[in-house]
Protein backbone atom coordinates (compact mmCIF):
# COMPACT_ATOMS: atom_id res chain seq x y z
CA MET A 1 -5.72 -8.68 -13.92
CA ASP A 2 -7.42 -7.79 -17.21
CA VAL A 3 -7.53 -4.07 -17.81
CA SER A 4 -10.69 -3.30 -19.89
CA GLY A 5 -10.42 -6.40 -21.93
CA THR A 6 -6.91 -5.33 -23.45
CA ASN A 7 -3.40 -6.41 -22.82
CA ARG A 8 -1.98 -3.03 -22.33
CA PRO A 9 0.60 -2.68 -19.34
CA VAL A 10 -0.63 -0.88 -16.26
CA LYS A 11 1.19 1.76 -14.25
CA ILE A 12 0.12 1.64 -10.55
CA LEU A 13 0.52 3.90 -7.58
CA LEU A 14 -0.43 2.23 -4.46
CA ASP A 15 -1.15 3.99 -1.20
CA VAL A 16 0.64 1.91 1.60
CA SER A 17 0.05 4.60 4.30
CA SER A 18 -2.18 2.09 6.17
CA VAL A 19 0.47 -0.70 6.44
CA ASN A 20 1.61 -0.25 10.01
CA MET A 21 1.92 -2.66 12.94
CA PRO A 22 -0.35 -4.14 14.24
CA LEU A 23 -1.81 -4.96 10.85
CA THR A 24 -5.37 -4.15 10.35
CA GLY A 25 -7.69 -5.51 7.70
CA ILE A 26 -6.84 -2.63 5.19
CA GLY A 27 -3.12 -2.64 6.24
CA ARG A 28 -3.01 -6.26 5.54
CA TYR A 29 -4.78 -5.92 2.16
CA ALA A 30 -2.54 -2.95 1.08
CA MET A 31 0.61 -5.05 2.11
CA GLU A 32 -0.50 -8.07 0.28
CA LEU A 33 -1.09 -5.93 -2.98
CA ALA A 34 1.96 -4.37 -2.58
CA ARG A 35 3.88 -7.88 -2.33
CA HIS A 36 1.82 -9.38 -5.25
CA LEU A 37 1.18 -6.66 -7.89
CA PRO A 38 4.67 -6.13 -9.13
CA ASN A 39 4.86 -10.01 -10.20
CA ASN A 40 1.82 -9.31 -12.41
CA PRO A 41 3.11 -9.42 -16.18
CA GLN A 42 0.49 -6.59 -16.95
CA VAL A 43 1.97 -4.26 -14.37
CA SER A 44 4.64 -2.24 -16.23
CA ALA A 45 5.49 0.22 -13.34
CA MET A 46 4.79 0.27 -9.69
CA ALA A 47 5.21 2.93 -7.15
CA TYR A 48 4.14 3.36 -3.55
CA LEU A 49 2.70 6.30 -1.76
CA ALA A 50 3.51 6.62 1.93
CA GLY A 51 2.17 9.71 3.58
CA ASP A 52 3.19 12.47 1.21
CA GLN A 53 6.15 10.59 -0.39
CA VAL A 54 6.48 8.55 -3.52
CA CYS A 55 8.81 5.63 -3.23
CA ALA A 56 9.98 3.25 -5.96
CA ARG A 57 10.19 0.16 -3.44
CA PHE A 58 8.06 -1.17 -0.48
CA ASP A 59 9.68 -2.97 2.09
CA GLY A 60 7.15 -4.94 4.16
CA ASP A 61 9.86 -6.37 6.40
CA THR A 62 10.42 -3.08 7.95
CA LEU A 63 6.92 -2.04 9.22
CA ARG A 64 6.69 0.83 11.42
CA GLN A 65 4.49 1.00 14.48
CA ALA A 66 1.10 2.87 13.86
CA PRO A 67 1.31 6.38 15.35
CA ALA A 68 -0.12 6.83 18.72
CA PRO A 69 -3.70 8.17 18.63
CA GLY A 70 -3.97 11.88 19.35
CA ARG A 71 -6.02 13.34 22.12
CA PHE A 72 -8.77 14.28 19.71
CA ARG A 73 -9.10 10.64 18.41
CA GLN A 74 -9.24 9.41 22.04
CA LEU A 75 -12.15 11.88 22.82
CA LEU A 76 -14.06 10.63 19.94
CA LYS A 77 -13.91 6.91 21.40
């Protein structure tokens, strides 16, 4: 990761709200970012946004089931 051609450390807030079982494309992508970005030497701080909560850690081993679609969403389909 090269940040604008400089070697400055980067602070990242990653939205992991889409990481639910079963994993979809964006959920899988967010999970892989959450797993690998903290290992990047240019990342100085990492936090995770899950819904309306900011967490210091992300545990991909405890994925939750996606919420059941509401009636409105079913009607749209």
